[in-house]
PDB file of N, CA and C in Angstrom:
ATOM      1  N   MET A   1      37.005  11.575-151.314  1.00  0.00           N
ATOM      2  CA  MET A   1      37.177  12.987-151.557  1.00  0.00           C
ATOM      3  C   MET A   1      38.561  13.220-152.140  1.00  0.00           C
ATOM      4  N   SER A   2      38.645  14.079-153.132  1.00  0.00           N
ATOM      5  CA  SER A   2      39.928  14.429-153.721  1.00  0.00           C
ATOM      6  C   SER A   2      39.884  15.881-154.169  1.00  0.00           C
ATOM      7  N   GLY A   3      41.035  16.424-154.504  1.00  0.00           N
ATOM      8  CA  GLY A   3      41.025  17.795-154.973  1.00  0.00           C
ATOM      9  C   GLY A   3      42.385  18.437-154.997  1.00  0.00           C
ATOM     10  N   PHE A   4      42.365  19.728-155.202  1.00  0.00           N
ATOM     11  CA  PHE A   4      43.566  20.542-155.285  1.00  0.00           C
ATOM     12  C   PHE A   4      43.659  21.417-154.048  1.00  0.00           C
ATOM     13  N   VAL A   5      44.882  21.663-153.597  1.00  0.00           N
ATOM     14  CA  VAL A   5      45.080  22.679-152.582  1.00  0.00           C
ATOM     15  C   VAL A   5      44.665  24.005-153.205  1.00  0.00           C
ATOM     16  N   GLU A   6      45.115  24.243-154.436  1.00  0.00           N
ATOM     17  CA  GLU A   6      44.679  25.404-155.221  1.00  0.00           C
ATOM     18  C   GLU A   6      44.717  24.991-156.688  1.00  0.00           C
ATOM     19  N   LYS A   7      43.555  24.897-157.319  1.00  0.00           N
ATOM     20  CA  LYS A   7      43.476  24.427-158.704  1.00  0.00           C
ATOM     21  C   LYS A   7      44.099  25.451-159.646  1.00  0.00           C
ATOM     22  N   PRO A   8      45.040  25.004-160.500  1.00  0.00           N
ATOM     23  CA  PRO A   8      45.689  25.947-161.416  1.00  0.00           C
ATOM     24  C   PRO A   8      44.759  26.384-162.539  1.00  0.00           C
ATOM     25  N   GLU A   9      44.962  27.593-163.008  1.00  0.00           N
ATOM     26  CA  GLU A   9      44.215  28.097-164.158  1.00  0.00           C
ATOM     27  C   GLU A   9      44.776  27.430-165.413  1.00  0.00           C
ATOM     28  N   PRO A  10      43.917  27.001-166.339  1.00  0.00           N
ATOM     29  CA  PRO A  10      44.434  26.402-167.570  1.00  0.00           C
ATOM     30  C   PRO A  10      45.157  27.436-168.428  1.00  0.00           C
ATOM     31  N   VAL A  11      46.169  26.979-169.141  1.00  0.00           N
ATOM     32  CA  VAL A  11      46.899  27.840-170.062  1.00  0.00           C
ATOM     33  C   VAL A  11      46.042  28.016-171.311  1.00  0.00           C
ATOM     34  N   GLN A  12      45.878  29.239-171.754  1.00  0.00           N
ATOM     35  CA  GLN A  12      45.103  29.532-172.960  1.00  0.00           C
ATOM     36  C   GLN A  12      46.043  29.528-174.159  1.00  0.00           C
ATOM     37  N   VAL A  13      45.775  28.634-175.115  1.00  0.00           N
ATOM     38  CA  VAL A  13      46.590  28.528-176.323  1.00  0.00           C
ATOM     39  C   VAL A  13      45.666  28.624-177.530  1.00  0.00           C
ATOM     40  N   PRO A  14      45.937  29.537-178.465  1.00  0.00           N
ATOM     41  CA  PRO A  14      45.095  29.636-179.661  1.00  0.00           C
ATOM     42  C   PRO A  14      45.045  28.295-180.397  1.00  0.00           C
ATOM     43  N   GLY A  15      43.852  27.873-180.786  1.00  0.00           N
ATOM     44  CA  GLY A  15      43.693  26.610-181.501  1.00  0.00           C
ATOM     45  C   GLY A  15      43.499  25.407-180.606  1.00  0.00           C
ATOM     46  N   LEU A  16      43.625  25.591-179.291  1.00  0.00           N
ATOM     47  CA  LEU A  16      43.406  24.496-178.344  1.00  0.00           C
ATOM     48  C   LEU A  16      42.253  24.849-177.421  1.00  0.00           C
ATOM     49  N   THR A  17      41.401  23.867-177.170  1.00  0.00           N
ATOM     50  CA  THR A  17      40.298  24.031-176.226  1.00  0.00           C
ATOM     51  C   THR A  17      40.617  23.234-174.974  1.00  0.00           C
ATOM     52  N   HIS A  18      40.640  23.891-173.826  1.00  0.00           N
ATOM     53  CA  HIS A  18      40.908  23.200-172.566  1.00  0.00           C
ATOM     54  C   HIS A  18      39.718  22.317-172.217  1.00  0.00           C
ATOM     55  N   LEU A  19      39.982  21.032-171.933  1.00  0.00           N
ATOM     56  CA  LEU A  19      38.931  20.085-171.588  1.00  0.00           C
ATOM     57  C   LEU A  19      38.915  19.727-170.110  1.00  0.00           C
ATOM     58  N   HIS A  20      40.115  19.554-169.527  1.00  0.00           N
ATOM     59  CA  HIS A  20      40.163  19.046-168.152  1.00  0.00           C
ATOM     60  C   HIS A  20      41.529  19.328-167.534  1.00  0.00           C
ATOM     61  N   THR A  21      41.522  19.641-166.255  1.00  0.00           N
ATOM     62  CA  THR A  21      42.750  19.721-165.471  1.00  0.00           C
ATOM     63  C   THR A  21      42.706  18.586-164.471  1.00  0.00           C
ATOM     64  N   GLY A  22      43.621  17.643-164.633  1.00  0.00           N
ATOM     65  CA  GLY A  22      43.703  16.508-163.727  1.00  0.00           C
ATOM     66  C   GLY A  22      44.719  16.762-162.634  1.00  0.00           C
ATOM     67  N   LYS A  23      45.002  15.723-161.868  1.00  0.00           N
ATOM     68  CA  LYS A  23      45.952  15.873-160.771  1.00  0.00           C
ATOM     69  C   LYS A  23      47.346  16.212-161.290  1.00  0.00           C
ATOM     70  N   VAL A  24      47.738  15.588-162.400  1.00  0.00           N
ATOM     71  CA  VAL A  24      49.083  15.785-162.925  1.00  0.00           C
ATOM     72  C   VAL A  24      49.080  16.262-164.377  1.00  0.00           C
ATOM     73  N   ARG A  25      48.067  15.901-165.150  1.00  0.00           N
ATOM     74  CA  ARG A  25      48.033  16.260-166.571  1.00  0.00           C
ATOM     75  C   ARG A  25      46.879  17.197-166.894  1.00  0.00           C
ATOM     76  N   ASP A  26      47.100  18.032-167.909  1.00  0.00           N
ATOM     77  CA  ASP A  26      46.059  18.905-168.447  1.00  0.00           C
ATOM     78  C   ASP A  26      45.702  18.383-169.832  1.00  0.00           C
ATOM     79  N   LEU A  27      44.428  18.440-170.166  1.00  0.00           N
ATOM     80  CA  LEU A  27      43.943  17.881-171.421  1.00  0.00           C
ATOM     81  C   LEU A  27      43.279  18.964-172.263  1.00  0.00           C
ATOM     82  N   TYR A  28      43.672  19.024-173.529  1.00  0.00           N
ATOM     83  CA  TYR A  28      43.141  19.981-174.492  1.00  0.00           C
ATOM     84  C   TYR A  28      42.714  19.218-175.748  1.00  0.00           C
ATOM     85  N   ARG A  29      41.916  19.868-176.597  1.00  0.00           N
ATOM     86  CA  ARG A  29      41.593  19.328-177.918  1.00  0.00           C
ATOM     87  C   ARG A  29      42.065  20.345-178.952  1.00  0.00           C
ATOM     88  N   ASN A  30      42.756  19.838-179.998  1.00  0.00           N
ATOM     89  CA  ASN A  30      43.194  20.754-181.054  1.00  0.00           C
ATOM     90  C   ASN A  30      42.123  20.854-182.139  1.00  0.00           C
ATOM     91  N   GLU A  31      42.355  21.713-183.115  1.00  0.00           N
ATOM     92  CA  GLU A  31      41.357  21.955-184.159  1.00  0.00           C
ATOM     93  C   GLU A  31      41.117  20.732-185.039  1.00  0.00           C
ATOM     94  N   ALA A  32      42.071  19.795-185.081  1.00  0.00           N
ATOM     95  CA  ALA A  32      41.912  18.560-185.859  1.00  0.00           C
ATOM     96  C   ALA A  32      41.086  17.520-185.100  1.00  0.00           C
ATOM     97  N   GLY A  33      40.783  17.809-183.830  1.00  0.00           N
ATOM     98  CA  GLY A  33      40.008  16.871-183.018  1.00  0.00           C
ATOM     99  C   GLY A  33      40.853  15.917-182.200  1.00  0.00           C
ATOM    100  N   ASP A  34      42.176  16.050-182.296  1.00  0.00           N
ATOM    101  CA  ASP A  34      43.069  15.204-181.502  1.00  0.00           C
ATOM    102  C   ASP A  34      43.194  15.764-180.088  1.00  0.00           C
ATOM    103  N   LEU A  35      43.592  14.907-179.160  1.00  0.00           N
ATOM    104  CA  LEU A  35      43.804  15.342-177.783  1.00  0.00           C
ATOM    105  C   LEU A  35      45.250  15.779-177.597  1.00  0.00           C
ATOM    106  N   VAL A  36      45.451  16.776-176.769  1.00  0.00           N
ATOM    107  CA  VAL A  36      46.781  17.264-176.415  1.00  0.00           C
ATOM    108  C   VAL A  36      46.908  17.101-174.907  1.00  0.00           C
ATOM    109  N   MET A  37      47.803  16.186-174.491  1.00  0.00           N
ATOM    110  CA  MET A  37      48.019  15.941-173.063  1.00  0.00           C
ATOM    111  C   MET A  37      49.330  16.589-172.646  1.00  0.00           C
ATOM    112  N   VAL A  38      49.264  17.372-171.584  1.00  0.00           N
ATOM    113  CA  VAL A  38      50.444  18.077-171.086  1.00  0.00           C
ATOM    114  C   VAL A  38      50.684  17.642-169.648  1.00  0.00           C
ATOM    115  N   ALA A  39      51.837  17.013-169.406  1.00  0.00           N
ATOM    116  CA  ALA A  39      52.182  16.549-168.064  1.00  0.00           C
ATOM    117  C   ALA A  39      52.832  17.693-167.288  1.00  0.00           C
ATOM    118  N   SER A  40      52.296  17.972-166.116  1.00  0.00           N
ATOM    119  CA  SER A  40      52.800  19.071-165.285  1.00  0.00           C
ATOM    120  C   SER A  40      53.819  18.548-164.273  1.00  0.00           C
ATOM    121  N   ASP A  41      54.328  19.449-163.475  1.00  0.00           N
ATOM    122  CA  ASP A  41      55.251  19.091-162.400  1.00  0.00           C
ATOM    123  C   ASP A  41      54.529  18.948-161.060  1.00  0.00           C
ATOM    124  N   ARG A  42      53.184  18.937-161.095  1.00  0.00           N
ATOM    125  CA  ARG A  42      52.402  18.835-159.860  1.00  0.00           C
ATOM    126  C   ARG A  42      52.615  17.481-159.190  1.00  0.00           C
ATOM    127  N   ILE A  43      52.450  17.474-157.866  1.00  0.00           N
ATOM    128  CA  ILE A  43      52.553  16.257-157.062  1.00  0.00           C
ATOM    129  C   ILE A  43      51.181  15.942-156.499  1.00  0.00           C
ATOM    130  N   SER A  44      50.791  14.672-156.592  1.00  0.00           N
ATOM    131  CA  SER A  44      49.540  14.272-155.950  1.00  0.00           C
ATOM    132  C   SER A  44      49.841  13.170-154.941  1.00  0.00           C
ATOM    133  N   ALA A  45      49.103  13.184-153.854  1.00  0.00           N
ATOM    134  CA  ALA A  45      49.219  12.157-152.823  1.00  0.00           C
ATOM    135  C   ALA A  45      47.840  11.922-152.236  1.00  0.00           C
ATOM    136  N   TYR A  46      47.443  10.665-152.216  1.00  0.00           N
ATOM    137  CA  TYR A  46      46.131  10.302-151.674  1.00  0.00           C
ATOM    138  C   TYR A  46      45.017  11.131-152.309  1.00  0.00           C
ATOM    139  N   ASP A  47      45.068  11.244-153.649  1.00  0.00           N
ATOM    140  CA  ASP A  47      44.063  11.961-154.442  1.00  0.00           C
ATOM    141  C   ASP A  47      44.006  13.461-154.174  1.00  0.00           C
ATOM    142  N   TRP A  48      45.057  14.021-153.630  1.00  0.00           N
ATOM    143  CA  TRP A  48      45.142  15.470-153.423  1.00  0.00           C
ATOM    144  C   TRP A  48      46.372  15.995-154.142  1.00  0.00           C
ATOM    145  N   VAL A  49      46.244  17.164-154.732  1.00  0.00           N
ATOM    146  CA  VAL A  49      47.378  17.820-155.374  1.00  0.00           C
ATOM    147  C   VAL A  49      48.000  18.768-154.362  1.00  0.00           C
ATOM    148  N   LEU A  50      49.287  18.598-154.151  1.00  0.00           N
ATOM    149  CA  LEU A  50      50.008  19.375-153.141  1.00  0.00           C
ATOM    150  C   LEU A  50      50.538  20.681-153.740  1.00  0.00           C
ATOM    151  N   PRO A  51      50.834  21.672-152.902  1.00  0.00           N
ATOM    152  CA  PRO A  51      51.266  22.978-153.414  1.00  0.00           C
ATOM    153  C   PRO A  51      52.685  22.991-153.991  1.00  0.00           C
ATOM    154  N   THR A  52      53.518  22.044-153.600  1.00  0.00           N
ATOM    155  CA  THR A  52      54.899  22.000-154.079  1.00  0.00           C
ATOM    156  C   THR A  52      54.972  21.205-155.380  1.00  0.00           C
ATOM    157  N   GLU A  53      55.828  21.623-156.286  1.00  0.00           N
ATOM    158  CA  GLU A  53      56.033  20.896-157.536  1.00  0.00           C
ATOM    159  C   GLU A  53      57.437  20.305-157.565  1.00  0.00           C
ATOM    160  N   ILE A  54      57.633  19.298-158.422  1.00  0.00           N
ATOM    161  CA  ILE A  54      58.951  18.707-158.647  1.00  0.00           C
ATOM    162  C   ILE A  54      59.417  19.154-160.030  1.00  0.00           C
ATOM    163  N   PRO A  55      60.511  19.925-160.106  1.00  0.00           N
ATOM    164  CA  PRO A  55      60.980  20.415-161.402  1.00  0.00           C
ATOM    165  C   PRO A  55      61.206  19.275-162.402  1.00  0.00           C
ATOM    166  N   ASP A  56      60.681  19.440-163.609  1.00  0.00           N
ATOM    167  CA  ASP A  56      60.819  18.502-164.729  1.00  0.00           C
ATOM    168  C   ASP A  56      60.102  17.166-164.537  1.00  0.00           C
ATOM    169  N   LYS A  57      59.263  17.046-163.527  1.00  0.00           N
ATOM    170  CA  LYS A  57      58.508  15.807-163.327  1.00  0.00           C
ATOM    171  C   LYS A  57      57.676  15.476-164.562  1.00  0.00           C
ATOM    172  N   GLY A  58      57.042  16.478-165.156  1.00  0.00           N
ATOM    173  CA  GLY A  58      56.214  16.250-166.339  1.00  0.00           C
ATOM    174  C   GLY A  58      57.004  15.699-167.512  1.00  0.00           C
ATOM    175  N   ARG A  59      58.220  16.187-167.697  1.00  0.00           N
ATOM    176  CA  ARG A  59      59.071  15.680-168.776  1.00  0.00           C
ATOM    177  C   ARG A  59      59.469  14.230-168.515  1.00  0.00           C
ATOM    178  N   VAL A  60      59.788  13.913-167.273  1.00  0.00           N
ATOM    179  CA  VAL A  60      60.158  12.537-166.918  1.00  0.00           C
ATOM    180  C   VAL A  60      58.965  11.600-167.119  1.00  0.00           C
ATOM    181  N   LEU A  61      57.780  12.000-166.669  1.00  0.00           N
ATOM    182  CA  LEU A  61      56.584  11.171-166.861  1.00  0.00           C
ATOM    183  C   LEU A  61      56.316  10.922-168.344  1.00  0.00           C
ATOM    184  N   THR A  62      56.478  11.953-169.159  1.00  0.00           N
ATOM    185  CA  THR A  62      56.240  11.814-170.594  1.00  0.00           C
ATOM    186  C   THR A  62      57.253  10.865-171.219  1.00  0.00           C
ATOM    187  N   ARG A  63      58.516  10.988-170.852  1.00  0.00           N
ATOM    188  CA  ARG A  63      59.548  10.090-171.392  1.00  0.00           C
ATOM    189  C   ARG A  63      59.316   8.655-170.951  1.00  0.00           C
ATOM    190  N   LEU A  64      58.903   8.458-169.701  1.00  0.00           N
ATOM    191  CA  LEU A  64      58.586   7.101-169.230  1.00  0.00           C
ATOM    192  C   LEU A  64      57.420   6.511-170.013  1.00  0.00           C
ATOM    193  N   SER A  65      56.390   7.300-170.217  1.00  0.00           N
ATOM    194  CA  SER A  65      55.233   6.827-170.991  1.00  0.00           C
ATOM    195  C   SER A  65      55.655   6.437-172.400  1.00  0.00           C
ATOM    196  N   LEU A  66      56.435   7.302-173.050  1.00  0.00           N
ATOM    197  CA  LEU A  66      56.881   7.008-174.409  1.00  0.00           C
ATOM    198  C   LEU A  66      57.753   5.750-174.459  1.00  0.00           C
ATOM    199  N   TRP A  67      58.587   5.549-173.454  1.00  0.00           N
ATOM    200  CA  TRP A  67      59.427   4.349-173.390  1.00  0.00           C
ATOM    201  C   TRP A  67      58.550   3.103-173.327  1.00  0.00           C
ATOM    202  N   TRP A  68      57.535   3.125-172.458  1.00  0.00           N
ATOM    203  CA  TRP A  68      56.640   1.970-172.342  1.00  0.00           C
ATOM    204  C   TRP A  68      55.832   1.754-173.612  1.00  0.00           C
ATOM    205  N   PHE A  69      55.343   2.822-174.226  1.00  0.00           N
ATOM    206  CA  PHE A  69      54.613   2.669-175.487  1.00  0.00           C
ATOM    207  C   PHE A  69      55.509   2.020-176.538  1.00  0.00           C
ATOM    208  N   ASP A  70      56.787   2.397-176.568  1.00  0.00           N
ATOM    209  CA  ASP A  70      57.735   1.814-177.511  1.00  0.00           C
ATOM    210  C   ASP A  70      57.980   0.337-177.196  1.00  0.00           C
ATOM    211  N   GLN A  71      58.151   0.008-175.916  1.00  0.00           N
ATOM    212  CA  GLN A  71      58.396  -1.380-175.520  1.00  0.00           C
ATOM    213  C   GLN A  71      57.228  -2.298-175.878  1.00  0.00           C
ATOM    214  N   LEU A  72      56.023  -1.778-175.791  1.00  0.00           N
ATOM    215  CA  LEU A  72      54.820  -2.580-176.009  1.00  0.00           C
ATOM    216  C   LEU A  72      54.241  -2.449-177.421  1.00  0.00           C
ATOM    217  N   ALA A  73      54.924  -1.715-178.289  1.00  0.00           N
ATOM    218  CA  ALA A  73      54.383  -1.403-179.620  1.00  0.00           C
ATOM    219  C   ALA A  73      54.026  -2.642-180.436  1.00  0.00           C
ATOM    220  N   ASP A  74      54.785  -3.725-180.296  1.00  0.00           N
ATOM    221  CA  ASP A  74      54.491  -4.944-181.055  1.00  0.00           C
ATOM    222  C   ASP A  74      53.313  -5.719-180.480  1.00  0.00           C
ATOM    223  N   LEU A  75      52.936  -5.418-179.247  1.00  0.00           N
ATOM    224  CA  LEU A  75      51.843  -6.142-178.586  1.00  0.00           C
ATOM    225  C   LEU A  75      50.540  -5.362-178.540  1.00  0.00           C
ATOM    226  N   VAL A  76      50.659  -4.064-178.300  1.00  0.00           N
ATOM    227  CA  VAL A  76      49.473  -3.239-178.074  1.00  0.00           C
ATOM    228  C   VAL A  76      49.610  -1.918-178.823  1.00  0.00           C
ATOM    229  N   PRO A  77      48.647  -1.586-179.684  1.00  0.00           N
ATOM    230  CA  PRO A  77      48.689  -0.259-180.305  1.00  0.00           C
ATOM    231  C   PRO A  77      48.412   0.812-179.249  1.00  0.00           C
ATOM    232  N   ASN A  78      48.885   2.017-179.503  1.00  0.00           N
ATOM    233  CA  ASN A  78      48.634   3.084-178.528  1.00  0.00           C
ATOM    234  C   ASN A  78      48.048   4.311-179.219  1.00  0.00           C
ATOM    235  N   HIS A  79      47.795   5.319-178.436  1.00  0.00           N
ATOM    236  CA  HIS A  79      47.078   6.513-178.864  1.00  0.00           C
ATOM    237  C   HIS A  79      47.973   7.662-179.314  1.00  0.00           C
ATOM    238  N   VAL A  80      49.280   7.520-179.205  1.00  0.00           N
ATOM    239  CA  VAL A  80      50.193   8.636-179.463  1.00  0.00           C
ATOM    240  C   VAL A  80      50.346   8.889-180.962  1.00  0.00           C
ATOM    241  N   ILE A  81      50.137  10.136-181.351  1.00  0.00           N
ATOM    242  CA  ILE A  81      50.337  10.582-182.732  1.00  0.00           C
ATOM    243  C   ILE A  81      51.685  11.279-182.858  1.00  0.00           C
ATOM    244  N   SER A  82      52.001  12.147-181.894  1.00  0.00           N
ATOM    245  CA  SER A  82      53.183  12.996-182.014  1.00  0.00           C
ATOM    246  C   SER A  82      53.588  13.543-180.646  1.00  0.00           C
ATOM    247  N   THR A  83      54.835  13.982-180.579  1.00  0.00           N
ATOM    248  CA  THR A  83      55.315  14.682-179.387  1.00  0.00           C
ATOM    249  C   THR A  83      55.659  16.137-179.722  1.00  0.00           C
ATOM    250  N   GLU A  84      55.262  16.572-180.919  1.00  0.00           N
ATOM    251  CA  GLU A  84      55.551  17.948-181.340  1.00  0.00           C
ATOM    252  C   GLU A  84      54.761  18.953-180.515  1.00  0.00           C
ATOM    253  N   LEU A  85      55.373  20.069-180.295  1.00  0.00           N
ATOM    254  CA  LEU A  85      54.726  21.155-179.567  1.00  0.00           C
ATOM    255  C   LEU A  85      53.681  21.811-180.466  1.00  0.00           C
ATOM    256  N   PRO A  86      52.436  21.957-180.000  1.00  0.00           N
ATOM    257  CA  PRO A  86      51.423  22.622-180.823  1.00  0.00           C
ATOM    258  C   PRO A  86      51.811  24.079-181.092  1.00  0.00           C
ATOM    259  N   PRO A  87      51.445  24.603-182.266  1.00  0.00           N
ATOM    260  CA  PRO A  87      51.742  26.010-182.562  1.00  0.00           C
ATOM    261  C   PRO A  87      51.151  26.930-181.490  1.00  0.00           C
ATOM    262  N   GLY A  88      51.953  27.870-181.031  1.00  0.00           N
ATOM    263  CA  GLY A  88      51.490  28.831-180.035  1.00  0.00           C
ATOM    264  C   GLY A  88      51.563  28.348-178.601  1.00  0.00           C
ATOM    265  N   ALA A  89      51.957  27.087-178.394  1.00  0.00           N
ATOM    266  CA  ALA A  89      52.050  26.554-177.030  1.00  0.00           C
ATOM    267  C   ALA A  89      53.262  27.148-176.318  1.00  0.00           C
ATOM    268  N   PRO A  90      53.189  27.271-174.999  1.00  0.00           N
ATOM    269  CA  PRO A  90      54.333  27.800-174.248  1.00  0.00           C
ATOM    270  C   PRO A  90      55.567  26.913-174.424  1.00  0.00           C
ATOM    271  N   ALA A  91      56.734  27.520-174.434  1.00  0.00           N
ATOM    272  CA  ALA A  91      57.985  26.778-174.611  1.00  0.00           C
ATOM    273  C   ALA A  91      58.183  25.726-173.528  1.00  0.00           C
ATOM    274  N   ASP A  92      57.670  25.972-172.309  1.00  0.00           N
ATOM    275  CA  ASP A  92      57.876  24.998-171.231  1.00  0.00           C
ATOM    276  C   ASP A  92      57.025  23.737-171.400  1.00  0.00           C
ATOM    277  N   TRP A  93      56.160  23.679-172.418  1.00  0.00           N
ATOM    278  CA  TRP A  93      55.432  22.447-172.739  1.00  0.00           C
ATOM    279  C   TRP A  93      56.315  21.454-173.498  1.00  0.00           C
ATOM    280  N   ALA A  94      57.462  21.905-174.004  1.00  0.00           N
ATOM    281  CA  ALA A  94      58.353  21.020-174.758  1.00  0.00           C
ATOM    282  C   ALA A  94      58.795  19.857-173.877  1.00  0.00           C
ATOM    283  N   GLY A  95      58.705  18.650-174.422  1.00  0.00           N
ATOM    284  CA  GLY A  95      59.115  17.458-173.685  1.00  0.00           C
ATOM    285  C   GLY A  95      58.072  16.913-172.741  1.00  0.00           C
ATOM    286  N   ARG A  96      56.953  17.599-172.601  1.00  0.00           N
ATOM    287  CA  ARG A  96      55.914  17.139-171.683  1.00  0.00           C
ATOM    288  C   ARG A  96      54.551  17.031-172.368  1.00  0.00           C
ATOM    289  N   THR A  97      54.550  17.127-173.719  1.00  0.00           N
ATOM    290  CA  THR A  97      53.305  17.160-174.481  1.00  0.00           C
ATOM    291  C   THR A  97      53.176  15.944-175.392  1.00  0.00           C
ATOM    292  N   LEU A  98      51.991  15.341-175.410  1.00  0.00           N
ATOM    293  CA  LEU A  98      51.666  14.258-176.336  1.00  0.00           C
ATOM    294  C   LEU A  98      50.426  14.650-177.124  1.00  0.00           C
ATOM    295  N   ILE A  99      50.490  14.519-178.445  1.00  0.00           N
ATOM    296  CA  ILE A  99      49.310  14.665-179.292  1.00  0.00           C
ATOM    297  C   ILE A  99      48.785  13.244-179.475  1.00  0.00           C
ATOM    298  N   CYS A 100      47.518  13.038-179.153  1.00  0.00           N
ATOM    299  CA  CYS A 100      46.962  11.681-179.104  1.00  0.00           C
ATOM    300  C   CYS A 100      45.659  11.559-179.874  1.00  0.00           C
ATOM    301  N   LYS A 101      45.400  10.349-180.357  1.00  0.00           N
ATOM    302  CA  LYS A 101      44.108  10.048-180.962  1.00  0.00           C
ATOM    303  C   LYS A 101      43.044  10.132-179.881  1.00  0.00           C
ATOM    304  N   SER A 102      41.880  10.599-180.249  1.00  0.00           N
ATOM    305  CA  SER A 102      40.746  10.626-179.324  1.00  0.00           C
ATOM    306  C   SER A 102      40.043   9.276-179.431  1.00  0.00           C
ATOM    307  N   LEU A 103      40.172   8.455-178.417  1.00  0.00           N
ATOM    308  CA  LEU A 103      39.628   7.099-178.412  1.00  0.00           C
ATOM    309  C   LEU A 103      38.665   6.911-177.250  1.00  0.00           C
ATOM    310  N   ARG A 104      37.910   5.834-177.300  1.00  0.00           N
ATOM    311  CA  ARG A 104      37.048   5.476-176.177  1.00  0.00           C
ATOM    312  C   ARG A 104      37.934   4.841-175.104  1.00  0.00           C
ATOM    313  N   MET A 105      37.852   5.365-173.900  1.00  0.00           N
ATOM    314  CA  MET A 105      38.700   4.886-172.822  1.00  0.00           C
ATOM    315  C   MET A 105      38.076   3.681-172.124  1.00  0.00           C
ATOM    316  N   VAL A 106      38.901   2.681-171.867  1.00  0.00           N
ATOM    317  CA  VAL A 106      38.516   1.562-171.018  1.00  0.00           C
ATOM    318  C   VAL A 106      39.085   1.888-169.647  1.00  0.00           C
ATOM    319  N   GLU A 107      38.220   2.078-168.671  1.00  0.00           N
ATOM    320  CA  GLU A 107      38.662   2.550-167.362  1.00  0.00           C
ATOM    321  C   GLU A 107      39.255   1.420-166.526  1.00  0.00           C
ATOM    322  N   VAL A 108      40.589   1.349-166.546  1.00  0.00           N
ATOM    323  CA  VAL A 108      41.336   0.377-165.760  1.00  0.00           C
ATOM    324  C   VAL A 108      42.474   1.135-165.101  1.00  0.00           C
ATOM    325  N   GLU A 109      42.670   0.915-163.835  1.00  0.00           N
ATOM    326  CA  GLU A 109      43.783   1.556-163.138  1.00  0.00           C
ATOM    327  C   GLU A 109      44.609   0.485-162.463  1.00  0.00           C
ATOM    328  N   CYS A 110      45.921   0.613-162.588  1.00  0.00           N
ATOM    329  CA  CYS A 110      46.835  -0.319-161.943  1.00  0.00           C
ATOM    330  C   CYS A 110      47.955   0.499-161.317  1.00  0.00           C
ATOM    331  N   VAL A 111      48.175   0.310-160.045  1.00  0.00           N
ATOM    332  CA  VAL A 111      49.247   1.012-159.350  1.00  0.00           C
ATOM    333  C   VAL A 111      50.281  -0.024-158.931  1.00  0.00           C
ATOM    334  N   ALA A 112      51.509   0.136-159.407  1.00  0.00           N
ATOM    335  CA  ALA A 112      52.596  -0.770-159.039  1.00  0.00           C
ATOM    336  C   ALA A 112      53.591   0.006-158.196  1.00  0.00           C
ATOM    337  N   ARG A 113      53.902  -0.522-157.056  1.00  0.00           N
ATOM    338  CA  ARG A 113      54.860   0.152-156.171  1.00  0.00           C
ATOM    339  C   ARG A 113      56.014  -0.768-155.870  1.00  0.00           C
TER     340      ARG A 113
END
């Protein structure tokens, strides 16, 4: 069992279609068919999203992801197209947004602690 203490309402942005609200990221599709991933400041523990947020967590997660994509670029291609803010998106999405290719996902999860 997993879930939200209180599931957030998706942000409505012209030109973006909301697809999914995950534990930490929100997923949209733009008019070009690319995916727009927005990392939030939400905290999840044991598959539950807690009511408290960590300020700028989404920006840190996005920067960490981009760092790893850069480190592995010579070995593994990735899905990132851009980090530009979509037109009409809220200013607080800056630094936490990835525009990505829509690819078939291979479902693998690895947790390193």
